[in-house]
Amino acid sequence: MFSNASNFVQGVDMAFAIIVGISLFFLITLTGTMIYFVVRYDHKKHPEARQIKDNKWMEATWITIPLILVLYMFYIGWEGFIPMRQAPKDAMQITAIGKMWKYEFQYEGNKVSDTLVIPINKAVKISLKSVDVLHGFSVPSFRIKEDMVPVKDNYTWFIPGELGDFDLFCTVYCGLNHAYMHSIVRVVPEDQFNEWVAYLPEKNADAENPGYKVMEKNGCFACHNTTGTRLVGPSFKGIYGRKIKVMTDGVARELIGDDSYVETSIYEPNKDISDGYPANIMQSYKNSINKEDMKLIQEYIKTLK
């Protein structure tokens, strides 16, 4: 607690400490009072019950004091929250994209990284976007947490104050591999950051392909890739014209990768299961991808020789 990892740590930790302190005070005080009453007014010492008349001043006191304390706790929480929504105009702009089940960070110059690298002591504004479902963007060490909501823009900002690596988690359950949606926020000196950004590769050229955009929007690249390596599902690379071993109703057979195979795999993913992969992992996208988008996907996959 009370580190300098970001400019929000002190305010959040102070609010937390005050609220916990008040809660502990009343827990100990009220528990002690209850124990005292149990002992002091034990029925053996007072076999005959005696009616105690109400006391308006006491009632007013135990209403007023908790009200003041609750309002005070709200105030210190609100005071710490307001700066989190007031990003400086000169803050560095970075876009974070959440997708099942990874983060992608886009820097100026169309450069992309899967690790969020930022310079120390410089305000950074992170625009938060999701291409599929609801995700969370949480860096506990910085005391920040915001949702990444599809078709809605959101943001967070902070000023990192300590060098090092800090964990970045998804805090919203987003499907099968939610627990593995984890990345790193790396805080480095500004000169090292500038050198790193200069050598950062530009975004995949395929990103402007309409078929690629449809697939990215529907989260296809969370389970499949275009490099030929194995993920949750088979790679898209080299599908067309290739013999593909599948299981259909428990029977092994071979298919030729073509438009029909791609369409069936997307609309009826459990009909022809690629050899070596489990069934019932992928859902049907029949209600998400129309025939026009299907054509775009097929044309894009044809380019992956």
Foldseek 3Di string as FASTA:
>chain_A
DPDQQWPLVVLVVVLVVVVVVVVVVCVVVVVVVVVCCCVVPPCVVVVDDDDDDDDVVVVVVVVVVVVVVVVVSVVSVVVSVVVFPVADPPAAEKEWEQFQAAIWIAHPPQFIDRAAEDEAQGKHKYKAAYLAAKWKWDFVVHPDIDIHHHPDIDITMIHGHDFDKTKIATPDDDDDVRVVHIHIYGYDHPVVVVVVVVPGDHDDPCCPQLLVSLCVSHRVPSAEELPQDHGLAGHLAPQAQDWFWWAAPNRIDIDHRALVVLQCCQQPVQGTHTPPHDHPRDDHCPVPADPVSSVSNRVSSVPRD
